PDB file of N, CA and C in Angstrom:
ATOM      1  N   UNK A   1      56.877  13.913   9.258  1.00  0.00           N
ATOM      2  CA  UNK A   1      55.826  13.702  10.072  1.00  0.00           C
ATOM      3  C   UNK A   1      55.283  12.247   9.474  1.00  0.00           C
ATOM      4  N   UNK A   2      54.218  11.917  10.529  1.00  0.00           N
ATOM      5  CA  UNK A   2      53.475  10.842  10.547  1.00  0.00           C
ATOM      6  C   UNK A   2      52.276  10.609  10.071  1.00  0.00           C
ATOM      7  N   UNK A   3      51.729   9.686   9.204  1.00  0.00           N
ATOM      8  CA  UNK A   3      50.537   9.674   8.541  1.00  0.00           C
ATOM      9  C   UNK A   3      49.824   8.760   9.322  1.00  0.00           C
ATOM     10  N   UNK A   4      48.663   9.268   9.506  1.00  0.00           N
ATOM     11  CA  UNK A   4      47.663   7.579  10.231  1.00  0.00           C
ATOM     12  C   UNK A   4      46.243   8.312   9.282  1.00  0.00           C
ATOM     13  N   UNK A   5      45.721   6.749   9.875  1.00  0.00           N
ATOM     14  CA  UNK A   5      44.494   6.098   8.892  1.00  0.00           C
ATOM     15  C   UNK A   5      43.694   6.290  10.605  1.00  0.00           C
ATOM     16  N   UNK A   6      42.639   6.701  10.657  1.00  0.00           N
ATOM     17  CA  UNK A   6      41.817   7.237  11.755  1.00  0.00           C
ATOM     18  C   UNK A   6      40.442   6.977  10.938  1.00  0.00           C
ATOM     19  N   UNK A   7      39.375   6.384  11.629  1.00  0.00           N
ATOM     20  CA  UNK A   7      38.080   6.003  11.233  1.00  0.00           C
ATOM     21  C   UNK A   7      37.005   7.095  12.125  1.00  0.00           C
ATOM     22  N   UNK A   8      36.653   7.751  11.472  1.00  0.00           N
ATOM     23  CA  UNK A   8      35.626   8.828  12.419  1.00  0.00           C
ATOM     24  C   UNK A   8      34.398   8.624  12.223  1.00  0.00           C
ATOM     25  N   UNK A   9      33.010   8.479  12.914  1.00  0.00           N
ATOM     26  CA  UNK A   9      31.539   8.682  12.492  1.00  0.00           C
ATOM     27  C   UNK A   9      31.292  10.366  12.954  1.00  0.00           C
ATOM     28  N   UNK A  10      31.191  11.185  11.689  1.00  0.00           N
ATOM     29  CA  UNK A  10      30.605  11.990  11.985  1.00  0.00           C
ATOM     30  C   UNK A  10      29.363  12.160  12.626  1.00  0.00           C
ATOM     31  N   UNK A  11      29.154  12.949  13.890  1.00  0.00           N
ATOM     32  CA  UNK A  11      27.456  12.866  14.207  1.00  0.00           C
ATOM     33  C   UNK A  11      26.988  14.549  14.526  1.00  0.00           C
ATOM     34  N   UNK A  12      27.598  15.420  14.113  1.00  0.00           N
ATOM     35  CA  UNK A  12      27.182  16.691  13.481  1.00  0.00           C
ATOM     36  C   UNK A  12      28.271  17.747  13.666  1.00  0.00           C
ATOM     37  N   UNK A  13      28.404  18.483  14.520  1.00  0.00           N
ATOM     38  CA  UNK A  13      29.191  19.529  14.748  1.00  0.00           C
ATOM     39  C   UNK A  13      29.541  19.540  16.201  1.00  0.00           C
ATOM     40  N   UNK A  14      31.026  20.113  16.323  1.00  0.00           N
ATOM     41  CA  UNK A  14      31.838  19.952  17.476  1.00  0.00           C
ATOM     42  C   UNK A  14      32.795  18.999  17.629  1.00  0.00           C
ATOM     43  N   UNK A  15      33.115  18.881  18.913  1.00  0.00           N
ATOM     44  CA  UNK A  15      33.938  17.881  19.631  1.00  0.00           C
ATOM     45  C   UNK A  15      33.606  16.477  19.058  1.00  0.00           C
ATOM     46  N   UNK A  16      34.018  15.664  18.075  1.00  0.00           N
ATOM     47  CA  UNK A  16      33.672  14.377  17.993  1.00  0.00           C
ATOM     48  C   UNK A  16      34.809  13.330  18.621  1.00  0.00           C
ATOM     49  N   UNK A  17      35.966  13.382  19.248  1.00  0.00           N
ATOM     50  CA  UNK A  17      36.617  12.512  19.905  1.00  0.00           C
ATOM     51  C   UNK A  17      37.827  13.172  20.095  1.00  0.00           C
ATOM     52  N   UNK A  18      38.478  12.327  21.263  1.00  0.00           N
ATOM     53  CA  UNK A  18      39.575  12.669  21.214  1.00  0.00           C
ATOM     54  C   UNK A  18      40.593  11.515  21.116  1.00  0.00           C
ATOM     55  N   UNK A  19      41.371  11.216  20.457  1.00  0.00           N
ATOM     56  CA  UNK A  19      41.953  10.110  19.710  1.00  0.00           C
ATOM     57  C   UNK A  19      43.773   9.936  20.336  1.00  0.00           C
ATOM     58  N   UNK A  20      44.167   9.146  21.311  1.00  0.00           N
ATOM     59  CA  UNK A  20      45.384   9.271  21.409  1.00  0.00           C
ATOM     60  C   UNK A  20      46.285   8.002  20.654  1.00  0.00           C
ATOM     61  N   UNK A  21      47.401   8.207  20.257  1.00  0.00           N
ATOM     62  CA  UNK A  21      47.905   7.139  19.756  1.00  0.00           C
ATOM     63  C   UNK A  21      49.501   7.667  19.603  1.00  0.00           C
ATOM     64  N   UNK A  22      50.433   6.638  20.133  1.00  0.00           N
ATOM     65  CA  UNK A  22      51.908   6.250  20.662  1.00  0.00           C
ATOM     66  C   UNK A  22      51.771   7.723  21.269  1.00  0.00           C
ATOM     67  N   UNK A  23      50.923   7.785  22.349  1.00  0.00           N
ATOM     68  CA  UNK A  23      50.731   8.792  23.232  1.00  0.00           C
ATOM     69  C   UNK A  23      50.880   9.923  22.602  1.00  0.00           C
ATOM     70  N   UNK A  24      50.443  11.041  21.920  1.00  0.00           N
ATOM     71  CA  UNK A  24      50.115  12.071  20.874  1.00  0.00           C
ATOM     72  C   UNK A  24      48.596  11.819  21.264  1.00  0.00           C
ATOM     73  N   UNK A  25      48.539  13.244  21.675  1.00  0.00           N
ATOM     74  CA  UNK A  25      46.630  13.585  21.489  1.00  0.00           C
ATOM     75  C   UNK A  25      46.118  13.743  20.330  1.00  0.00           C
ATOM     76  N   UNK A  26      45.040  14.002  19.547  1.00  0.00           N
ATOM     77  CA  UNK A  26      44.800  14.575  18.446  1.00  0.00           C
ATOM     78  C   UNK A  26      43.206  14.504  19.209  1.00  0.00           C
ATOM     79  N   UNK A  27      42.649  15.638  18.517  1.00  0.00           N
ATOM     80  CA  UNK A  27      41.350  16.211  19.023  1.00  0.00           C
ATOM     81  C   UNK A  27      40.434  16.662  17.337  1.00  0.00           C
ATOM     82  N   UNK A  28      39.462  15.664  17.249  1.00  0.00           N
ATOM     83  CA  UNK A  28      39.055  16.127  15.622  1.00  0.00           C
ATOM     84  C   UNK A  28      37.980  16.729  16.326  1.00  0.00           C
ATOM     85  N   UNK A  29      37.854  17.802  15.295  1.00  0.00           N
ATOM     86  CA  UNK A  29      36.461  19.086  15.566  1.00  0.00           C
ATOM     87  C   UNK A  29      36.291  19.133  13.754  1.00  0.00           C
ATOM     88  N   UNK A  30      34.745  18.840  14.415  1.00  0.00           N
ATOM     89  CA  UNK A  30      33.821  18.645  12.827  1.00  0.00           C
ATOM     90  C   UNK A  30      33.904  19.845  12.576  1.00  0.00           C
ATOM     91  N   UNK A  31      33.770  21.165  11.514  1.00  0.00           N
ATOM     92  CA  UNK A  31      33.362  22.192  11.173  1.00  0.00           C
ATOM     93  C   UNK A  31      31.910  22.104  10.567  1.00  0.00           C
ATOM     94  N   UNK A  32      31.468  21.169   9.454  1.00  0.00           N
ATOM     95  CA  UNK A  32      30.738  21.333   9.012  1.00  0.00           C
ATOM     96  C   UNK A  32      30.177  19.794   8.644  1.00  0.00           C
ATOM     97  N   UNK A  33      28.927  18.941   8.672  1.00  0.00           N
ATOM     98  CA  UNK A  33      28.411  18.138   8.038  1.00  0.00           C
ATOM     99  C   UNK A  33      27.851  18.161   7.102  1.00  0.00           C
ATOM    100  N   UNK A  34      27.687  17.853   5.982  1.00  0.00           N
ATOM    101  CA  UNK A  34      26.986  17.991   4.540  1.00  0.00           C
ATOM    102  C   UNK A  34      26.101  16.459   4.572  1.00  0.00           C
ATOM    103  N   UNK A  35      25.003  16.306   4.567  1.00  0.00           N
ATOM    104  CA  UNK A  35      24.614  15.142   4.467  1.00  0.00           C
ATOM    105  C   UNK A  35      23.323  15.044   3.701  1.00  0.00           C
ATOM    106  N   UNK A  36      23.122  14.385   2.442  1.00  0.00           N
ATOM    107  CA  UNK A  36      22.161  14.692   1.678  1.00  0.00           C
ATOM    108  C   UNK A  36      21.452  13.149   1.398  1.00  0.00           C
ATOM    109  N   UNK A  37      20.430  13.200   2.160  1.00  0.00           N
ATOM    110  CA  UNK A  37      19.310  11.749   2.332  1.00  0.00           C
ATOM    111  C   UNK A  37      19.179  11.645   0.957  1.00  0.00           C
ATOM    112  N   UNK A  38      18.485  10.376   0.637  1.00  0.00           N
ATOM    113  CA  UNK A  38      17.865   9.841  -0.722  1.00  0.00           C
ATOM    114  C   UNK A  38      16.375  10.679  -0.876  1.00  0.00           C
ATOM    115  N   UNK A  39      16.121  10.848  -2.145  1.00  0.00           N
ATOM    116  CA  UNK A  39      14.849  11.460  -2.022  1.00  0.00           C
ATOM    117  C   UNK A  39      14.002  11.072  -3.026  1.00  0.00           C
ATOM    118  N   UNK A  40      12.798  11.265  -3.152  1.00  0.00           N
ATOM    119  CA  UNK A  40      11.810  10.366  -3.782  1.00  0.00           C
ATOM    120  C   UNK A  40      11.331  11.585  -4.976  1.00  0.00           C
ATOM    121  N   UNK A  41      11.737  11.360  -6.263  1.00  0.00           N
ATOM    122  CA  UNK A  41      11.087  12.484  -7.082  1.00  0.00           C
ATOM    123  C   UNK A  41       9.928  11.895  -8.088  1.00  0.00           C
ATOM    124  N   UNK A  42       9.212  10.583  -7.748  1.00  0.00           N
ATOM    125  CA  UNK A  42       7.893  10.831  -8.224  1.00  0.00           C
ATOM    126  C   UNK A  42       7.515   9.441  -7.525  1.00  0.00           C
ATOM    127  N   UNK A  43       6.078   9.673  -7.098  1.00  0.00           N
ATOM    128  CA  UNK A  43       5.601   8.629  -6.743  1.00  0.00           C
ATOM    129  C   UNK A  43       4.287   8.122  -7.770  1.00  0.00           C
ATOM    130  N   UNK A  44       3.756   6.642  -8.250  1.00  0.00           N
ATOM    131  CA  UNK A  44       2.637   6.787  -9.451  1.00  0.00           C
ATOM    132  C   UNK A  44       2.230   5.310  -8.592  1.00  0.00           C
ATOM    133  N   UNK A  45       0.910   5.196  -8.931  1.00  0.00           N
ATOM    134  CA  UNK A  45       0.029   4.313  -8.915  1.00  0.00           C
ATOM    135  C   UNK A  45      -0.846   3.901 -10.040  1.00  0.00           C
ATOM    136  N   UNK A  46      -1.074   2.394  -9.903  1.00  0.00           N
ATOM    137  CA  UNK A  46      -2.007   1.398 -11.020  1.00  0.00           C
ATOM    138  C   UNK A  46      -2.769   0.892 -10.616  1.00  0.00           C
ATOM    139  N   UNK A  47      -4.054   1.307 -11.124  1.00  0.00           N
ATOM    140  CA  UNK A  47      -4.893   0.293 -11.179  1.00  0.00           C
ATOM    141  C   UNK A  47      -4.392  -1.148 -11.605  1.00  0.00           C
ATOM    142  N   UNK A  48      -4.174  -1.293 -12.527  1.00  0.00           N
ATOM    143  CA  UNK A  48      -3.573  -2.765 -12.912  1.00  0.00           C
ATOM    144  C   UNK A  48      -5.232  -3.344 -13.313  1.00  0.00           C
ATOM    145  N   UNK A  49      -5.458  -4.823 -13.165  1.00  0.00           N
ATOM    146  CA  UNK A  49      -5.866  -5.428 -13.393  1.00  0.00           C
ATOM    147  C   UNK A  49      -7.626  -5.569 -12.571  1.00  0.00           C
ATOM    148  N   UNK A  50      -7.372  -4.523 -11.704  1.00  0.00           N
ATOM    149  CA  UNK A  50      -8.591  -4.470 -10.553  1.00  0.00           C
ATOM    150  C   UNK A  50      -9.765  -3.979 -10.662  1.00  0.00           C
ATOM    151  N   UNK A  51      -9.480  -3.095 -11.999  1.00  0.00           N
ATOM    152  CA  UNK A  51     -10.310  -2.410 -12.371  1.00  0.00           C
ATOM    153  C   UNK A  51     -10.675  -0.728 -12.118  1.00  0.00           C
ATOM    154  N   UNK A  52      -9.588  -0.427 -11.136  1.00  0.00           N
ATOM    155  CA  UNK A  52      -9.973   0.580 -10.750  1.00  0.00           C
ATOM    156  C   UNK A  52      -8.525   1.209 -11.457  1.00  0.00           C
ATOM    157  N   UNK A  53      -9.167   2.891 -11.474  1.00  0.00           N
ATOM    158  CA  UNK A  53      -8.368   3.895 -12.440  1.00  0.00           C
ATOM    159  C   UNK A  53      -7.802   4.509 -11.909  1.00  0.00           C
ATOM    160  N   UNK A  54      -6.756   5.465 -12.076  1.00  0.00           N
ATOM    161  CA  UNK A  54      -5.973   6.285 -11.324  1.00  0.00           C
ATOM    162  C   UNK A  54      -5.747   7.684 -12.361  1.00  0.00           C
ATOM    163  N   UNK A  55      -6.115   8.468 -11.759  1.00  0.00           N
ATOM    164  CA  UNK A  55      -5.990   9.764 -12.096  1.00  0.00           C
ATOM    165  C   UNK A  55      -5.084  10.544 -11.373  1.00  0.00           C
ATOM    166  N   UNK A  56      -4.077  11.371 -12.823  1.00  0.00           N
ATOM    167  CA  UNK A  56      -2.722  12.523 -11.698  1.00  0.00           C
ATOM    168  C   UNK A  56      -1.797  11.868 -11.287  1.00  0.00           C
ATOM    169  N   UNK A  57      -1.183  10.512 -11.786  1.00  0.00           N
ATOM    170  CA  UNK A  57      -0.280   9.642 -11.718  1.00  0.00           C
ATOM    171  C   UNK A  57       0.580   9.661 -12.819  1.00  0.00           C
ATOM    172  N   UNK A  58       1.801   9.988 -12.523  1.00  0.00           N
ATOM    173  CA  UNK A  58       2.514  10.032 -11.480  1.00  0.00           C
ATOM    174  C   UNK A  58       3.026  11.317 -10.835  1.00  0.00           C
ATOM    175  N   UNK A  59       3.146  11.861  -9.439  1.00  0.00           N
ATOM    176  CA  UNK A  59       3.346  13.043  -8.777  1.00  0.00           C
ATOM    177  C   UNK A  59       4.252  13.156  -8.914  1.00  0.00           C
ATOM    178  N   UNK A  60       5.015  14.095  -9.714  1.00  0.00           N
ATOM    179  CA  UNK A  60       6.406  14.778  -9.318  1.00  0.00           C
ATOM    180  C   UNK A  60       6.573  15.930  -8.295  1.00  0.00           C
ATOM    181  N   UNK A  61       5.488  16.389  -7.791  1.00  0.00           N
ATOM    182  CA  UNK A  61       6.486  17.711  -6.817  1.00  0.00           C
ATOM    183  C   UNK A  61       5.308  17.013  -5.872  1.00  0.00           C
ATOM    184  N   UNK A  62       3.978  17.825  -6.095  1.00  0.00           N
ATOM    185  CA  UNK A  62       3.258  17.550  -5.085  1.00  0.00           C
ATOM    186  C   UNK A  62       1.630  17.708  -5.637  1.00  0.00           C
ATOM    187  N   UNK A  63       0.715  17.397  -5.332  1.00  0.00           N
ATOM    188  CA  UNK A  63      -0.850  16.736  -5.801  1.00  0.00           C
ATOM    189  C   UNK A  63      -1.685  15.621  -5.074  1.00  0.00           C
ATOM    190  N   UNK A  64      -2.599  15.172  -6.130  1.00  0.00           N
ATOM    191  CA  UNK A  64      -3.377  14.588  -5.255  1.00  0.00           C
ATOM    192  C   UNK A  64      -3.675  13.378  -6.535  1.00  0.00           C
ATOM    193  N   UNK A  65      -3.781  11.941  -6.269  1.00  0.00           N
ATOM    194  CA  UNK A  65      -3.760  11.187  -7.110  1.00  0.00           C
ATOM    195  C   UNK A  65      -5.390  10.562  -5.836  1.00  0.00           C
ATOM    196  N   UNK A  66      -6.462  10.542  -7.314  1.00  0.00           N
ATOM    197  CA  UNK A  66      -7.709  10.057  -7.046  1.00  0.00           C
ATOM    198  C   UNK A  66      -8.301   8.897  -7.750  1.00  0.00           C
ATOM    199  N   UNK A  67      -8.297   7.785  -7.250  1.00  0.00           N
ATOM    200  CA  UNK A  67      -8.527   7.037  -7.376  1.00  0.00           C
ATOM    201  C   UNK A  67     -10.021   6.258  -7.518  1.00  0.00           C
ATOM    202  N   UNK A  68     -10.419   5.677  -8.456  1.00  0.00           N
ATOM    203  CA  UNK A  68     -11.880   5.686  -9.033  1.00  0.00           C
ATOM    204  C   UNK A  68     -12.255   4.315  -9.493  1.00  0.00           C
ATOM    205  N   UNK A  69     -13.337   4.016 -10.016  1.00  0.00           N
ATOM    206  CA  UNK A  69     -14.003   2.349 -10.281  1.00  0.00           C
ATOM    207  C   UNK A  69     -14.691   1.514  -9.586  1.00  0.00           C
ATOM    208  N   UNK A  70     -14.828   0.327 -10.338  1.00  0.00           N
ATOM    209  CA  UNK A  70     -15.756  -0.610  -9.480  1.00  0.00           C
ATOM    210  C   UNK A  70     -14.085  -1.670  -9.366  1.00  0.00           C
ATOM    211  N   UNK A  71     -14.412  -2.333  -8.146  1.00  0.00           N
ATOM    212  CA  UNK A  71     -13.172  -3.173  -7.604  1.00  0.00           C
ATOM    213  C   UNK A  71     -13.834  -4.477  -8.309  1.00  0.00           C
ATOM    214  N   UNK A  72     -13.289  -5.137  -9.523  1.00  0.00           N
ATOM    215  CA  UNK A  72     -13.144  -6.303 -10.034  1.00  0.00           C
ATOM    216  C   UNK A  72     -13.263  -7.737  -8.293  1.00  0.00           C
ATOM    217  N   UNK A  73     -13.962  -8.801  -8.858  1.00  0.00           N
ATOM    218  CA  UNK A  73     -14.351  -9.469  -8.104  1.00  0.00           C
ATOM    219  C   UNK A  73     -13.119 -10.578  -7.630  1.00  0.00           C
ATOM    220  N   UNK A  74     -12.669 -10.431  -9.058  1.00  0.00           N
ATOM    221  CA  UNK A  74     -10.934 -11.273  -8.836  1.00  0.00           C
ATOM    222  C   UNK A  74      -9.916 -10.292  -7.761  1.00  0.00           C
ATOM    223  N   UNK A  75     -10.198  -9.379  -7.362  1.00  0.00           N
ATOM    224  CA  UNK A  75      -9.219  -8.262  -6.685  1.00  0.00           C
ATOM    225  C   UNK A  75     -10.524  -8.381  -5.297  1.00  0.00           C
ATOM    226  N   UNK A  76     -11.129  -8.744  -5.154  1.00  0.00           N
ATOM    227  CA  UNK A  76     -11.910  -8.848  -3.252  1.00  0.00           C
ATOM    228  C   UNK A  76     -13.087  -7.945  -4.003  1.00  0.00           C
ATOM    229  N   UNK A  77     -13.478  -7.571  -4.884  1.00  0.00           N
ATOM    230  CA  UNK A  77     -14.589  -6.411  -5.246  1.00  0.00           C
ATOM    231  C   UNK A  77     -15.491  -7.105  -5.430  1.00  0.00           C
ATOM    232  N   UNK A  78     -16.969  -6.378  -5.892  1.00  0.00           N
ATOM    233  CA  UNK A  78     -18.155  -7.281  -5.863  1.00  0.00           C
ATOM    234  C   UNK A  78     -18.365  -6.819  -7.072  1.00  0.00           C
ATOM    235  N   UNK A  79     -17.130  -5.772  -8.236  1.00  0.00           N
ATOM    236  CA  UNK A  79     -17.685  -5.866  -9.664  1.00  0.00           C
ATOM    237  C   UNK A  79     -18.809  -5.046 -10.199  1.00  0.00           C
ATOM    238  N   UNK A  80     -19.439  -4.271  -9.492  1.00  0.00           N
ATOM    239  CA  UNK A  80     -21.032  -3.848  -9.624  1.00  0.00           C
ATOM    240  C   UNK A  80     -20.944  -2.646  -8.546  1.00  0.00           C
ATOM    241  N   UNK A  81     -21.700  -1.866  -9.372  1.00  0.00           N
ATOM    242  CA  UNK A  81     -22.076  -0.387  -8.590  1.00  0.00           C
ATOM    243  C   UNK A  81     -23.790  -0.498  -7.983  1.00  0.00           C
ATOM    244  N   UNK A  82     -24.323  -1.542  -7.778  1.00  0.00           N
ATOM    245  CA  UNK A  82     -25.253  -1.278  -7.243  1.00  0.00           C
ATOM    246  C   UNK A  82     -25.777  -3.100  -6.161  1.00  0.00           C
ATOM    247  N   UNK A  83     -26.476  -2.889  -5.501  1.00  0.00           N
ATOM    248  CA  UNK A  83     -26.457  -4.675  -4.987  1.00  0.00           C
ATOM    249  C   UNK A  83     -27.064  -5.297  -5.489  1.00  0.00           C
ATOM    250  N   UNK A  84     -28.061  -5.419  -6.555  1.00  0.00           N
ATOM    251  CA  UNK A  84     -28.497  -6.500  -6.787  1.00  0.00           C
ATOM    252  C   UNK A  84     -27.398  -6.944  -8.322  1.00  0.00           C
ATOM    253  N   UNK A  85     -26.831  -6.577  -8.860  1.00  0.00           N
ATOM    254  CA  UNK A  85     -25.975  -7.007  -9.478  1.00  0.00           C
ATOM    255  C   UNK A  85     -24.639  -7.676  -8.927  1.00  0.00           C
ATOM    256  N   UNK A  86     -24.337  -6.508  -7.652  1.00  0.00           N
ATOM    257  CA  UNK A  86     -23.207  -7.483  -7.110  1.00  0.00           C
ATOM    258  C   UNK A  86     -23.559  -8.656  -6.116  1.00  0.00           C
ATOM    259  N   UNK A  87     -24.806  -8.986  -5.745  1.00  0.00           N
ATOM    260  CA  UNK A  87     -25.253 -10.408  -5.173  1.00  0.00           C
ATOM    261  C   UNK A  87     -25.203 -10.994  -6.057  1.00  0.00           C
ATOM    262  N   UNK A  88     -25.241 -10.746  -7.637  1.00  0.00           N
ATOM    263  CA  UNK A  88     -24.951 -11.631  -8.669  1.00  0.00           C
ATOM    264  C   UNK A  88     -23.957 -11.663  -8.987  1.00  0.00           C
ATOM    265  N   UNK A  89     -23.040 -11.025  -8.923  1.00  0.00           N
ATOM    266  CA  UNK A  89     -21.759 -10.982  -9.232  1.00  0.00           C
ATOM    267  C   UNK A  89     -20.924 -12.495  -8.234  1.00  0.00           C
ATOM    268  N   UNK A  90     -21.035 -12.321  -7.137  1.00  0.00           N
ATOM    269  CA  UNK A  90     -20.760 -12.947  -5.865  1.00  0.00           C
ATOM    270  C   UNK A  90     -21.497 -14.094  -5.757  1.00  0.00           C
ATOM    271  N   UNK A  91     -22.827 -14.528  -6.598  1.00  0.00           N
ATOM    272  CA  UNK A  91     -23.381 -15.356  -6.832  1.00  0.00           C
ATOM    273  C   UNK A  91     -24.355 -15.631  -5.013  1.00  0.00           C
ATOM    274  N   UNK A  92     -24.386 -14.638  -4.750  1.00  0.00           N
ATOM    275  CA  UNK A  92     -25.269 -14.725  -3.404  1.00  0.00           C
ATOM    276  C   UNK A  92     -26.456 -14.259  -3.363  1.00  0.00           C
ATOM    277  N   UNK A  93     -26.990 -14.452  -4.894  1.00  0.00           N
ATOM    278  CA  UNK A  93     -28.556 -14.003  -5.170  1.00  0.00           C
ATOM    279  C   UNK A  93     -29.168 -15.454  -5.053  1.00  0.00           C
ATOM    280  N   UNK A  94     -30.143 -15.033  -3.880  1.00  0.00           N
ATOM    281  CA  UNK A  94     -30.951 -17.019  -3.866  1.00  0.00           C
ATOM    282  C   UNK A  94     -32.152 -16.402  -4.016  1.00  0.00           C
ATOM    283  N   UNK A  95     -33.589 -17.530  -4.379  1.00  0.00           N
ATOM    284  CA  UNK A  95     -34.271 -17.451  -5.138  1.00  0.00           C
ATOM    285  C   UNK A  95     -35.658 -17.744  -3.754  1.00  0.00           C
ATOM    286  N   UNK A  96     -36.575 -16.826  -3.613  1.00  0.00           N
ATOM    287  CA  UNK A  96     -37.559 -17.681  -2.553  1.00  0.00           C
ATOM    288  C   UNK A  96     -39.113 -17.662  -3.620  1.00  0.00           C
ATOM    289  N   UNK A  97     -39.189 -19.062  -3.472  1.00  0.00           N
ATOM    290  CA  UNK A  97     -40.532 -19.358  -4.143  1.00  0.00           C
ATOM    291  C   UNK A  97     -41.506 -19.916  -2.706  1.00  0.00           C
ATOM    292  N   UNK A  98     -42.648 -20.267  -3.351  1.00  0.00           N
ATOM    293  CA  UNK A  98     -43.541 -20.854  -2.446  1.00  0.00           C
ATOM    294  C   UNK A  98     -44.725 -21.612  -3.258  1.00  0.00           C
ATOM    295  N   UNK A  99     -45.312 -22.529  -3.091  1.00  0.00           N
ATOM    296  CA  UNK A  99     -46.369 -23.124  -4.015  1.00  0.00           C
ATOM    297  C   UNK A  99     -46.759 -24.457  -2.593  1.00  0.00           C
ATOM    298  N   UNK A 100     -47.666 -25.289  -3.610  1.00  0.00           N
ATOM    299  CA  UNK A 100     -48.166 -26.757  -2.612  1.00  0.00           C
ATOM    300  C   UNK A 100     -47.471 -27.502  -2.694  1.00  0.00           C
ATOM    301  N   UNK A 101     -46.671 -28.010  -3.504  1.00  0.00           N
ATOM    302  CA  UNK A 101     -46.044 -29.059  -4.079  1.00  0.00           C
ATOM    303  C   UNK A 101     -44.844 -29.070  -3.248  1.00  0.00           C
ATOM    304  N   UNK A 102     -44.405 -30.535  -3.334  1.00  0.00           N
ATOM    305  CA  UNK A 102     -43.275 -30.624  -2.814  1.00  0.00           C
ATOM    306  C   UNK A 102     -42.005 -29.844  -3.147  1.00  0.00           C
ATOM    307  N   UNK A 103     -41.005 -29.430  -2.510  1.00  0.00           N
ATOM    308  CA  UNK A 103     -40.051 -28.719  -3.415  1.00  0.00           C
ATOM    309  C   UNK A 103     -39.236 -29.714  -3.710  1.00  0.00           C
ATOM    310  N   UNK A 104     -38.156 -28.869  -5.070  1.00  0.00           N
ATOM    311  CA  UNK A 104     -37.354 -29.882  -5.983  1.00  0.00           C
ATOM    312  C   UNK A 104     -36.774 -29.064  -6.897  1.00  0.00           C
ATOM    313  N   UNK A 105     -35.789 -29.335  -7.436  1.00  0.00           N
ATOM    314  CA  UNK A 105     -34.933 -28.451  -8.098  1.00  0.00           C
ATOM    315  C   UNK A 105     -33.934 -26.941  -7.073  1.00  0.00           C
ATOM    316  N   UNK A 106     -33.873 -25.973  -7.645  1.00  0.00           N
ATOM    317  CA  UNK A 106     -33.611 -25.081  -7.052  1.00  0.00           C
ATOM    318  C   UNK A 106     -32.055 -24.920  -6.796  1.00  0.00           C
ATOM    319  N   UNK A 107     -31.258 -23.924  -6.358  1.00  0.00           N
ATOM    320  CA  UNK A 107     -30.135 -24.128  -5.981  1.00  0.00           C
ATOM    321  C   UNK A 107     -29.494 -23.973  -4.195  1.00  0.00           C
ATOM    322  N   UNK A 108     -28.578 -24.361  -4.083  1.00  0.00           N
ATOM    323  CA  UNK A 108     -28.275 -23.960  -2.622  1.00  0.00           C
ATOM    324  C   UNK A 108     -27.766 -23.003  -2.309  1.00  0.00           C
ATOM    325  N   UNK A 109     -29.083 -22.916  -1.172  1.00  0.00           N
ATOM    326  CA  UNK A 109     -29.225 -21.574  -0.487  1.00  0.00           C
ATOM    327  C   UNK A 109     -30.331 -20.915  -0.581  1.00  0.00           C
ATOM    328  N   UNK A 110     -31.080 -21.811  -1.571  1.00  0.00           N
ATOM    329  CA  UNK A 110     -32.955 -21.187  -2.397  1.00  0.00           C
ATOM    330  C   UNK A 110     -34.007 -21.358  -0.956  1.00  0.00           C
ATOM    331  N   UNK A 111     -34.577 -20.915  -0.853  1.00  0.00           N
ATOM    332  CA  UNK A 111     -35.733 -21.120   0.061  1.00  0.00           C
ATOM    333  C   UNK A 111     -37.196 -21.424  -0.831  1.00  0.00           C
ATOM    334  N   UNK A 112     -37.456 -22.120  -0.514  1.00  0.00           N
ATOM    335  CA  UNK A 112     -39.092 -22.709  -0.770  1.00  0.00           C
ATOM    336  C   UNK A 112     -39.977 -22.627   0.214  1.00  0.00           C
ATOM    337  N   UNK A 113     -41.021 -21.918   0.167  1.00  0.00           N
ATOM    338  CA  UNK A 113     -41.996 -22.196   1.120  1.00  0.00           C
ATOM    339  C   UNK A 113     -43.243 -23.072   0.604  1.00  0.00           C
ATOM    340  N   UNK A 114     -43.617 -24.230   1.852  1.00  0.00           N
ATOM    341  CA  UNK A 114     -44.536 -24.994   0.921  1.00  0.00           C
ATOM    342  C   UNK A 114     -46.009 -24.651   1.829  1.00  0.00           C
ATOM    343  N   UNK A 115     -47.263 -24.341   1.192  1.00  0.00           N
ATOM    344  CA  UNK A 115     -48.425 -24.322   2.159  1.00  0.00           C
ATOM    345  C   UNK A 115     -49.710 -25.337   1.351  1.00  0.00           C
ATOM    346  N   UNK A 116     -50.126 -25.553   2.068  1.00  0.00           N
ATOM    347  CA  UNK A 116     -51.584 -26.010   2.238  1.00  0.00           C
ATOM    348  C   UNK A 116     -52.570 -25.291   1.878  1.00  0.00           C
TER     349      UNK A 116
END
């Protein structure tokens, strides 16, 4: 009795291939293929230093995570829950003033209306 090393890729049930070696034909029949794919057992999220919080994390079977909070300026947010604070945090709050004198001082982007 001869022994042969044969490499075959299993693709399902049924006839996979007919292999000839030294004029002897072998037909390989796959009876059952058991394939276990990798699985994820836990999924979790953390807000880190973003200012956001996460509830119900990690999820180990099924569920819903909830993300809440105020996104920090350093993370691309406004760091605020209202428009006035957001403009201030983003240095987008400009001053509009008026008067009869020539404009002086102020910050870049401020508006001064001079009237006579």
